[in-house]
Amino acid sequence: MHTYDSYYHCLCGTHVHQGTFLIALLGCIQWGLSAFPMIAAAFAINEFSGIFIAIVSGIPPWCLLIGNRCGIAWCYYPHLFINCIAVAATTILAGILFFFGISASIVGLPDNLRENDVFNEDEGFRLGIAIIMGLFLALFAYIEYYLLRVVYRGYVYLKDECSLPANDTTVDLV
């Protein structure tokens, strides 16, 4: 029923259920690569306060992977919630950096920043870097938004497929 609907396909032509699986798998791999050094360093210096953050940061990708493979729609919620916050924060930071660079290039820096040694040399170059970083963050926010949209469509697909009658054999999870 919904398997061949264009709403349930990514830009690359992959079905959103498979796209969500790939996003979850890459998130789990990224979590493993970033959590292992944090946990190893915590044991090396006998300071275990960072282990909580390292472990908790793995909850969204692992829940997404479990939800995707087992067909549990509510497991998508942690990933959707945290990544909505991440997209909003990245977009706001991109706007702040971009407009700070533009306005400081036109009007100039405030006096308290001009006295700082960091901005003494080559003020225009540093403001240009702020503008470029703002544009880079805007691009990154757009990519984050696209991946979030793929996961949301995967969630909607899963909800639609779970709401089908039990005797409907025409559609299976991809």
N, C-alpha and C. Protein backbone atom coordinates (compact mmCIF):
# COMPACT_ATOMS: atom_id res chain seq x y z
N MET A 1 0.82 -1.19 0.00
CA MET A 1 0.00 0.00 0.00
C MET A 1 0.87 1.25 0.00
N HIS A 2 1.72 1.44 1.01
CA HIS A 2 2.53 2.65 1.12
C HIS A 2 3.96 2.46 0.63
N THR A 3 4.35 1.26 0.30
CA THR A 3 5.75 0.97 0.00
C THR A 3 6.24 1.75 -1.21
N TYR A 4 5.42 1.95 -2.21
CA TYR A 4 5.86 2.59 -3.44
C TYR A 4 5.45 4.05 -3.52
N ASP A 5 4.93 4.60 -2.45
CA ASP A 5 4.56 6.01 -2.40
C ASP A 5 5.83 6.85 -2.36
N SER A 6 5.86 7.94 -3.15
CA SER A 6 7.08 8.75 -3.21
C SER A 6 7.37 9.47 -1.89
N TYR A 7 6.36 9.64 -1.04
CA TYR A 7 6.57 10.25 0.27
C TYR A 7 7.51 9.41 1.11
N TYR A 8 7.54 8.13 0.89
CA TYR A 8 8.33 7.21 1.69
C TYR A 8 9.67 6.87 1.05
N HIS A 9 10.19 7.76 0.21
CA HIS A 9 11.50 7.55 -0.40
C HIS A 9 12.38 8.76 -0.15
N CYS A 10 13.67 8.50 0.04
CA CYS A 10 14.66 9.56 0.23
C CYS A 10 15.01 10.16 -1.13
N LEU A 11 15.85 11.18 -1.12
CA LEU A 11 16.30 11.77 -2.38
C LEU A 11 17.10 10.78 -3.22
N CYS A 12 17.81 9.88 -2.56
CA CYS A 12 18.63 8.91 -3.29
C CYS A 12 17.81 7.73 -3.81
N GLY A 13 16.51 7.71 -3.55
CA GLY A 13 15.65 6.63 -4.02
C GLY A 13 15.50 5.50 -3.04
N THR A 14 16.18 5.57 -1.91
CA THR A 14 16.08 4.53 -0.90
C THR A 14 14.79 4.71 -0.11
N HIS A 15 14.20 3.62 0.30
CA HIS A 15 13.00 3.69 1.13
C HIS A 15 13.36 4.26 2.49
N VAL A 16 12.45 5.02 3.10
CA VAL A 16 12.76 5.69 4.37
C VAL A 16 13.02 4.69 5.49
N HIS A 17 12.44 3.51 5.40
CA HIS A 17 12.70 2.51 6.44
C HIS A 17 14.16 2.06 6.39
N GLN A 18 14.69 1.87 5.19
CA GLN A 18 16.10 1.53 5.04
C GLN A 18 16.99 2.73 5.36
N GLY A 19 16.56 3.93 4.97
CA GLY A 19 17.32 5.13 5.29
C GLY A 19 17.42 5.36 6.79
N THR A 20 16.32 5.10 7.50
CA THR A 20 16.34 5.22 8.96
C THR A 20 17.27 4.19 9.56
N PHE A 21 17.29 3.00 9.01
CA PHE A 21 18.21 1.98 9.49
C PHE A 21 19.66 2.43 9.31
N LEU A 22 19.98 2.99 8.15
CA LEU A 22 21.35 3.46 7.91
C LEU A 22 21.72 4.61 8.84
N ILE A 23 20.78 5.53 9.07
CA ILE A 23 21.04 6.64 9.99
C ILE A 23 21.27 6.12 11.40
N ALA A 24 20.46 5.15 11.82
CA ALA A 24 20.62 4.57 13.16
C ALA A 24 21.94 3.82 13.26
N LEU A 25 22.28 3.07 12.23
CA LEU A 25 23.53 2.31 12.25
C LEU A 25 24.74 3.24 12.30
N LEU A 26 24.73 4.29 11.49
CA LEU A 26 25.84 5.26 11.53
C LEU A 26 25.89 5.99 12.86
N GLY A 27 24.72 6.28 13.45
CA GLY A 27 24.70 6.90 14.77
C GLY A 27 25.28 6.00 15.84
N CYS A 28 24.99 4.71 15.76
CA CYS A 28 25.54 3.75 16.74
C CYS A 28 27.05 3.61 16.57
N ILE A 29 27.51 3.59 15.33
CA ILE A 29 28.96 3.51 15.09
C ILE A 29 29.65 4.77 15.60
N GLN A 30 29.06 5.93 15.31
CA GLN A 30 29.64 7.19 15.78
C GLN A 30 29.64 7.25 17.30
N TRP A 31 28.57 6.76 17.92
CA TRP A 31 28.53 6.74 19.39
C TRP A 31 29.62 5.84 19.94
N GLY A 32 29.80 4.67 19.35
CA GLY A 32 30.84 3.77 19.82
C GLY A 32 32.23 4.36 19.69
N LEU A 33 32.47 5.04 18.56
CA LEU A 33 33.79 5.65 18.35
C LEU A 33 34.04 6.83 19.28
N SER A 34 32.99 7.53 19.68
CA SER A 34 33.19 8.67 20.58
C SER A 34 33.09 8.28 22.05
N ALA A 35 32.32 7.26 22.38
CA ALA A 35 32.16 6.87 23.79
C ALA A 35 33.33 6.05 24.30
N PHE A 36 33.92 5.24 23.45
CA PHE A 36 35.03 4.39 23.90
C PHE A 36 36.20 5.19 24.46
N PRO A 37 36.67 6.25 23.78
CA PRO A 37 37.77 7.02 24.37
C PRO A 37 37.38 7.72 25.68
N MET A 38 36.13 8.17 25.78
CA MET A 38 35.69 8.83 27.02
C MET A 38 35.69 7.84 28.18
N ILE A 39 35.20 6.64 27.94
CA ILE A 39 35.15 5.63 29.00
C ILE A 39 36.56 5.17 29.35
N ALA A 40 37.40 4.97 28.34
CA ALA A 40 38.78 4.54 28.60
C ALA A 40 39.55 5.61 29.38
N ALA A 41 39.34 6.88 29.03
CA ALA A 41 40.02 7.95 29.76
C ALA A 41 39.50 8.05 31.19
N ALA A 42 38.21 7.80 31.39
CA ALA A 42 37.65 7.84 32.75
C ALA A 42 38.29 6.78 33.63
N PHE A 43 38.50 5.59 33.10
CA PHE A 43 39.14 4.54 33.88
C PHE A 43 40.63 4.83 34.08
N ALA A 44 41.25 5.49 33.11
CA ALA A 44 42.68 5.77 33.22
C ALA A 44 42.98 6.80 34.30
N ILE A 45 42.10 7.79 34.46
CA ILE A 45 42.37 8.84 35.46
C ILE A 45 41.51 8.69 36.71
N ASN A 46 40.74 7.62 36.79
CA ASN A 46 39.86 7.35 37.94
C ASN A 46 38.88 8.49 38.22
N GLU A 47 38.37 9.11 37.18
CA GLU A 47 37.35 10.15 37.29
C GLU A 47 36.18 9.70 36.41
N PHE A 48 35.09 9.31 37.04
CA PHE A 48 34.01 8.63 36.32
C PHE A 48 32.79 9.51 36.04
N SER A 49 32.93 10.82 36.14
CA SER A 49 31.77 11.68 35.90
C SER A 49 31.40 11.74 34.43
N GLY A 50 32.33 11.52 33.52
CA GLY A 50 32.03 11.59 32.10
C GLY A 50 31.41 10.34 31.53
N ILE A 51 31.41 9.25 32.29
CA ILE A 51 30.85 8.00 31.78
C ILE A 51 29.34 8.13 31.58
N PHE A 52 28.67 8.86 32.46
CA PHE A 52 27.22 9.03 32.34
C PHE A 52 26.86 9.67 31.00
N ILE A 53 27.57 10.73 30.64
CA ILE A 53 27.29 11.40 29.36
C ILE A 53 27.62 10.47 28.19
N ALA A 54 28.71 9.73 28.31
CA ALA A 54 29.09 8.82 27.23
C ALA A 54 28.05 7.73 27.02
N ILE A 55 27.48 7.23 28.09
CA ILE A 55 26.49 6.16 27.98
C ILE A 55 25.14 6.71 27.54
N VAL A 56 24.71 7.82 28.13
CA VAL A 56 23.39 8.38 27.82
C VAL A 56 23.34 8.88 26.37
N SER A 57 24.45 9.34 25.83
CA SER A 57 24.44 9.82 24.45
C SER A 57 24.18 8.70 23.44
N GLY A 58 24.28 7.46 23.86
CA GLY A 58 24.00 6.34 22.97
C GLY A 58 22.55 5.92 22.95
N ILE A 59 21.73 6.48 23.83
CA ILE A 59 20.33 6.06 23.90
C ILE A 59 19.56 6.37 22.61
N PRO A 60 19.62 7.59 22.04
CA PRO A 60 18.84 7.85 20.82
C PRO A 60 19.19 6.96 19.63
N PRO A 61 20.47 6.78 19.27
CA PRO A 61 20.71 5.91 18.10
C PRO A 61 20.36 4.45 18.35
N TRP A 62 20.61 3.96 19.56
CA TRP A 62 20.27 2.56 19.84
C TRP A 62 18.76 2.36 19.88
N CYS A 63 18.02 3.30 20.45
CA CYS A 63 16.55 3.20 20.44
C CYS A 63 16.03 3.24 19.00
N LEU A 64 16.61 4.11 18.19
CA LEU A 64 16.19 4.20 16.79
C LEU A 64 16.47 2.89 16.06
N LEU A 65 17.62 2.30 16.30
CA LEU A 65 17.96 1.03 15.66
C LEU A 65 17.02 -0.09 16.10
N ILE A 66 16.75 -0.16 17.39
CA ILE A 66 15.84 -1.19 17.91
C ILE A 66 14.43 -0.97 17.37
N GLY A 67 13.98 0.29 17.39
CA GLY A 67 12.64 0.59 16.87
C GLY A 67 12.50 0.28 15.40
N ASN A 68 13.54 0.55 14.65
CA ASN A 68 13.50 0.30 13.21
C ASN A 68 13.49 -1.19 12.91
N ARG A 69 14.31 -1.96 13.58
CA ARG A 69 14.40 -3.39 13.31
C ARG A 69 13.24 -4.17 13.90
N CYS A 70 12.72 -3.76 15.05
CA CYS A 70 11.64 -4.52 15.71
C CYS A 70 10.26 -3.96 15.39
N GLY A 71 10.18 -2.83 14.71
CA GLY A 71 8.89 -2.25 14.37
C GLY A 71 8.20 -1.58 15.54
N ILE A 72 8.97 -1.00 16.46
CA ILE A 72 8.41 -0.32 17.63
C ILE A 72 8.48 1.18 17.38
N ALA A 73 7.33 1.80 17.16
CA ALA A 73 7.31 3.20 16.76
C ALA A 73 7.74 4.15 17.87
N TRP A 74 7.42 3.86 19.12
CA TRP A 74 7.76 4.80 20.20
C TRP A 74 9.26 4.89 20.44
N CYS A 75 10.03 3.94 19.93
CA CYS A 75 11.49 4.01 20.07
C CYS A 75 12.10 5.12 19.21
N TYR A 76 11.34 5.68 18.30
CA TYR A 76 11.83 6.79 17.49
C TYR A 76 11.83 8.11 18.26
N TYR A 77 11.04 8.21 19.33
CA TYR A 77 10.86 9.48 20.05
C TYR A 77 12.15 10.10 20.58
N PRO A 78 13.07 9.35 21.24
CA PRO A 78 14.28 10.03 21.74
C PRO A 78 15.11 10.65 20.61
N HIS A 79 15.24 9.94 19.50
CA HIS A 79 16.01 10.47 18.38
C HIS A 79 15.34 11.71 17.79
N LEU A 80 14.04 11.65 17.59
CA LEU A 80 13.33 12.79 17.03
C LEU A 80 13.41 14.01 17.94
N PHE A 81 13.23 13.81 19.25
CA PHE A 81 13.24 14.92 20.20
C PHE A 81 14.62 15.57 20.27
N ILE A 82 15.65 14.77 20.45
CA ILE A 82 17.01 15.32 20.62
C ILE A 82 17.48 15.97 19.33
N ASN A 83 17.17 15.38 18.20
CA ASN A 83 17.63 15.97 16.94
C ASN A 83 16.83 17.20 16.55
N CYS A 84 15.58 17.32 17.00
CA CYS A 84 14.85 18.58 16.80
C CYS A 84 15.55 19.71 17.55
N ILE A 85 15.97 19.43 18.76
CA ILE A 85 16.70 20.43 19.54
C ILE A 85 18.03 20.76 18.87
N ALA A 86 18.72 19.75 18.36
CA ALA A 86 20.01 19.97 17.69
C ALA A 86 19.86 20.81 16.43
N VAL A 87 18.82 20.54 15.63
CA VAL A 87 18.59 21.33 14.42
C VAL A 87 18.28 22.77 14.78
N ALA A 88 17.44 22.98 15.79
CA ALA A 88 17.11 24.34 16.20
C ALA A 88 18.35 25.08 16.71
N ALA A 89 19.15 24.43 17.54
CA ALA A 89 20.34 25.07 18.09
C ALA A 89 21.36 25.38 16.99
N THR A 90 21.54 24.48 16.05
CA THR A 90 22.49 24.71 14.96
C THR A 90 22.02 25.85 14.06
N THR A 91 20.73 25.91 13.79
CA THR A 91 20.18 26.98 12.97
C THR A 91 20.33 28.33 13.65
N ILE A 92 20.04 28.39 14.94
CA ILE A 92 20.18 29.64 15.68
C ILE A 92 21.64 30.08 15.72
N LEU A 93 22.54 29.16 15.99
CA LEU A 93 23.97 29.50 16.03
C LEU A 93 24.46 29.96 14.66
N ALA A 94 23.99 29.32 13.60
CA ALA A 94 24.39 29.74 12.25
C ALA A 94 23.91 31.16 11.96
N GLY A 95 22.68 31.46 12.34
CA GLY A 95 22.17 32.81 12.14
C GLY A 95 22.92 33.85 12.95
N ILE A 96 23.22 33.52 14.19
CA ILE A 96 23.96 34.46 15.04
C ILE A 96 25.34 34.73 14.46
N LEU A 97 26.06 33.68 14.08
CA LEU A 97 27.41 33.87 13.51
C LEU A 97 27.36 34.66 12.21
N PHE A 98 26.45 34.31 11.34
CA PHE A 98 26.37 34.98 10.04
C PHE A 98 26.04 36.46 10.21
N PHE A 99 25.00 36.75 10.99
CA PHE A 99 24.60 38.15 11.13
C PHE A 99 25.56 38.95 11.99
N PHE A 100 26.26 38.31 12.92
CA PHE A 100 27.32 39.01 13.65
C PHE A 100 28.44 39.40 12.70
N GLY A 101 28.84 38.48 11.84
CA GLY A 101 29.90 38.80 10.88
C GLY A 101 29.50 39.90 9.92
N ILE A 102 28.27 39.85 9.42
CA ILE A 102 27.79 40.88 8.49
C ILE A 102 27.70 42.23 9.18
N SER A 103 27.04 42.27 10.34
CA SER A 103 26.86 43.56 11.02
C SER A 103 28.17 44.13 11.53
N ALA A 104 29.08 43.29 12.00
CA ALA A 104 30.37 43.80 12.47
C ALA A 104 31.23 44.26 11.30
N SER A 105 31.04 43.67 10.12
CA SER A 105 31.78 44.13 8.95
C SER A 105 31.29 45.50 8.50
N ILE A 106 29.99 45.74 8.61
CA ILE A 106 29.41 47.00 8.17
C ILE A 106 29.62 48.10 9.21
N VAL A 107 29.23 47.82 10.45
CA VAL A 107 29.24 48.83 11.51
C VAL A 107 30.59 48.87 12.22
N GLY A 108 31.22 47.74 12.36
CA GLY A 108 32.47 47.65 13.11
C GLY A 108 32.22 47.01 14.46
N LEU A 109 33.29 46.59 15.08
CA LEU A 109 33.17 45.92 16.37
C LEU A 109 32.97 46.93 17.49
N PRO A 110 32.32 46.51 18.56
CA PRO A 110 32.20 47.39 19.72
C PRO A 110 33.59 47.68 20.32
N ASP A 111 33.67 48.75 21.09
CA ASP A 111 34.96 49.18 21.65
C ASP A 111 35.59 48.13 22.55
N ASN A 112 34.78 47.43 23.33
CA ASN A 112 35.36 46.44 24.24
C ASN A 112 35.98 45.26 23.47
N LEU A 113 35.48 44.94 22.29
CA LEU A 113 36.11 43.89 21.48
C LEU A 113 37.32 44.41 20.71
N ARG A 114 37.31 45.69 20.36
CA ARG A 114 38.47 46.24 19.65
C ARG A 114 39.71 46.28 20.53
N GLU A 115 39.51 46.39 21.84
CA GLU A 115 40.63 46.40 22.76
C GLU A 115 41.24 45.02 22.95
N ASN A 116 40.50 43.99 22.58
CA ASN A 116 40.99 42.62 22.71
C ASN A 116 42.10 42.37 21.68
N ASP A 117 43.16 41.69 22.10
CA ASP A 117 44.29 41.44 21.21
C ASP A 117 43.94 40.52 20.05
N VAL A 118 42.93 39.68 20.23
CA VAL A 118 42.56 38.75 19.17
C VAL A 118 42.06 39.49 17.94
N PHE A 119 41.33 40.59 18.15
CA PHE A 119 40.74 41.33 17.03
C PHE A 119 41.61 42.49 16.57
N ASN A 120 42.76 42.68 17.17
CA ASN A 120 43.62 43.79 16.76
C ASN A 120 44.12 43.62 15.33
N GLU A 121 44.55 42.44 15.00
CA GLU A 121 45.13 42.21 13.69
C GLU A 121 44.10 41.59 12.74
N ASP A 122 43.98 42.16 11.60
CA ASP A 122 43.16 41.62 10.51
C ASP A 122 41.71 41.35 10.93
N GLU A 123 41.04 42.41 11.31
CA GLU A 123 39.65 42.31 11.77
C GLU A 123 38.73 41.79 10.66
N GLY A 124 38.94 42.25 9.44
CA GLY A 124 38.08 41.83 8.32
C GLY A 124 38.18 40.35 8.03
N PHE A 125 39.38 39.81 8.14
CA PHE A 125 39.57 38.37 7.90
C PHE A 125 38.80 37.55 8.93
N ARG A 126 38.89 37.94 10.18
CA ARG A 126 38.20 37.19 11.24
C ARG A 126 36.68 37.29 11.09
N LEU A 127 36.19 38.44 10.68
CA LEU A 127 34.75 38.57 10.47
C LEU A 127 34.32 37.78 9.24
N GLY A 128 35.17 37.70 8.23
CA GLY A 128 34.88 36.86 7.07
C GLY A 128 34.81 35.39 7.46
N ILE A 129 35.68 34.97 8.36
CA ILE A 129 35.64 33.60 8.86
C ILE A 129 34.32 33.36 9.60
N ALA A 130 33.85 34.35 10.37
CA ALA A 130 32.57 34.20 11.08
C ALA A 130 31.43 34.04 10.09
N ILE A 131 31.46 34.78 9.00
CA ILE A 131 30.41 34.66 7.98
C ILE A 131 30.47 33.28 7.32
N ILE A 132 31.66 32.83 6.98
CA ILE A 132 31.82 31.51 6.35
C ILE A 132 31.38 30.41 7.31
N MET A 133 31.74 30.52 8.58
CA MET A 133 31.32 29.52 9.56
C MET A 133 29.79 29.52 9.72
N GLY A 134 29.18 30.70 9.67
CA GLY A 134 27.72 30.77 9.73
C GLY A 134 27.08 30.06 8.55
N LEU A 135 27.63 30.26 7.36
CA LEU A 135 27.10 29.58 6.18
C LEU A 135 27.34 28.07 6.25
N PHE A 136 28.51 27.68 6.75
CA PHE A 136 28.81 26.26 6.92
C PHE A 136 27.84 25.62 7.92
N LEU A 137 27.57 26.30 9.02
CA LEU A 137 26.62 25.78 10.00
C LEU A 137 25.20 25.73 9.44
N ALA A 138 24.84 26.69 8.59
CA ALA A 138 23.52 26.65 7.95
C ALA A 138 23.41 25.43 7.04
N LEU A 139 24.46 25.13 6.30
CA LEU A 139 24.47 23.92 5.46
C LEU A 139 24.37 22.67 6.32
N PHE A 140 25.12 22.64 7.41
CA PHE A 140 25.08 21.50 8.33
C PHE A 140 23.68 21.35 8.94
N ALA A 141 23.04 22.48 9.28
CA ALA A 141 21.68 22.42 9.84
C ALA A 141 20.70 21.87 8.80
N TYR A 142 20.90 22.23 7.53
CA TYR A 142 20.02 21.71 6.49
C TYR A 142 20.20 20.20 6.33
N ILE A 143 21.43 19.71 6.40
CA ILE A 143 21.68 18.27 6.32
C ILE A 143 21.06 17.57 7.53
N GLU A 144 21.22 18.16 8.71
CA GLU A 144 20.59 17.60 9.92
C GLU A 144 19.08 17.54 9.76
N TYR A 145 18.50 18.62 9.21
CA TYR A 145 17.05 18.66 9.01
C TYR A 145 16.61 17.58 8.04
N TYR A 146 17.36 17.39 6.96
CA TYR A 146 17.00 16.36 5.99
C TYR A 146 17.03 14.97 6.62
N LEU A 147 18.08 14.68 7.38
CA LEU A 147 18.17 13.37 8.05
C LEU A 147 17.05 13.20 9.07
N LEU A 148 16.70 14.28 9.76
CA LEU A 148 15.59 14.22 10.71
C LEU A 148 14.27 13.97 9.97
N ARG A 149 14.13 14.57 8.81
CA ARG A 149 12.91 14.35 8.02
C ARG A 149 12.82 12.91 7.52
N VAL A 150 13.95 12.31 7.16
CA VAL A 150 13.96 10.90 6.76
C VAL A 150 13.52 10.03 7.92
N VAL A 151 14.05 10.31 9.12
CA VAL A 151 13.67 9.51 10.29
C VAL A 151 12.20 9.72 10.61
N TYR A 152 11.71 10.96 10.50
CA TYR A 152 10.29 11.21 10.78
C TYR A 152 9.40 10.47 9.78
N ARG A 153 9.78 10.49 8.51
CA ARG A 153 8.99 9.76 7.52
C ARG A 153 9.06 8.26 7.76
N GLY A 154 10.20 7.78 8.23
CA GLY A 154 10.30 6.37 8.62
C GLY A 154 9.38 6.06 9.79
N TYR A 155 9.26 7.00 10.72
CA TYR A 155 8.34 6.84 11.85
C TYR A 155 6.89 6.80 11.35
N VAL A 156 6.54 7.71 10.46
CA VAL A 156 5.17 7.74 9.91
C VAL A 156 4.89 6.46 9.14
N TYR A 157 5.87 6.00 8.36
CA TYR A 157 5.71 4.74 7.63
C TYR A 157 5.47 3.58 8.58
N LEU A 158 6.25 3.53 9.65
CA LEU A 158 6.10 2.46 10.62
C LEU A 158 4.74 2.52 11.30
N LYS A 159 4.28 3.73 11.64
CA LYS A 159 2.96 3.88 12.25
C LYS A 159 1.86 3.45 11.28
N ASP A 160 2.01 3.82 10.01
CA ASP A 160 1.01 3.42 9.01
C ASP A 160 1.00 1.91 8.81
N GLU A 161 2.16 1.30 8.78
CA GLU A 161 2.23 -0.14 8.56
C GLU A 161 1.73 -0.91 9.78
N CYS A 162 1.96 -0.38 10.96
CA CYS A 162 1.48 -1.06 12.17
C CYS A 162 -0.03 -0.92 12.33
N SER A 163 -0.62 0.09 11.68
CA SER A 163 -2.06 0.28 11.81
C SER A 163 -2.85 -0.54 10.79
N LEU A 164 -2.16 -1.23 9.87
CA LEU A 164 -2.86 -2.07 8.89
C LEU A 164 -3.46 -3.28 9.58
N PRO A 165 -4.54 -3.82 9.04
CA PRO A 165 -5.11 -5.04 9.62
C PRO A 165 -4.11 -6.19 9.57
N ALA A 166 -4.25 -7.12 10.48
CA ALA A 166 -3.30 -8.24 10.60
C ALA A 166 -3.36 -9.18 9.40
N ASN A 167 -4.48 -9.26 8.70
CA ASN A 167 -4.58 -10.19 7.58
C ASN A 167 -4.15 -9.58 6.25
N ASP A 168 -3.70 -8.33 6.25
CA ASP A 168 -3.22 -7.69 5.03
C ASP A 168 -1.79 -8.12 4.78
N THR A 169 -1.58 -8.96 3.77
CA THR A 169 -0.24 -9.50 3.49
C THR A 169 0.42 -8.79 2.32
N THR A 170 -0.16 -7.70 1.83
CA THR A 170 0.41 -7.04 0.66
C THR A 170 1.61 -6.18 1.00
N VAL A 171 1.77 -5.77 2.24
CA VAL A 171 2.85 -4.87 2.61
C VAL A 171 3.60 -5.43 3.80
N ASP A 172 4.90 -5.53 3.68
CA ASP A 172 5.76 -5.90 4.80
C ASP A 172 6.76 -4.78 5.01
N LEU A 173 7.38 -4.77 6.17
CA LEU A 173 8.44 -3.81 6.40
C LEU A 173 9.59 -4.13 5.48
N VAL A 174 10.15 -3.12 4.88
CA VAL A 174 11.23 -3.31 3.90
C VAL A 174 12.48 -3.73 4.62
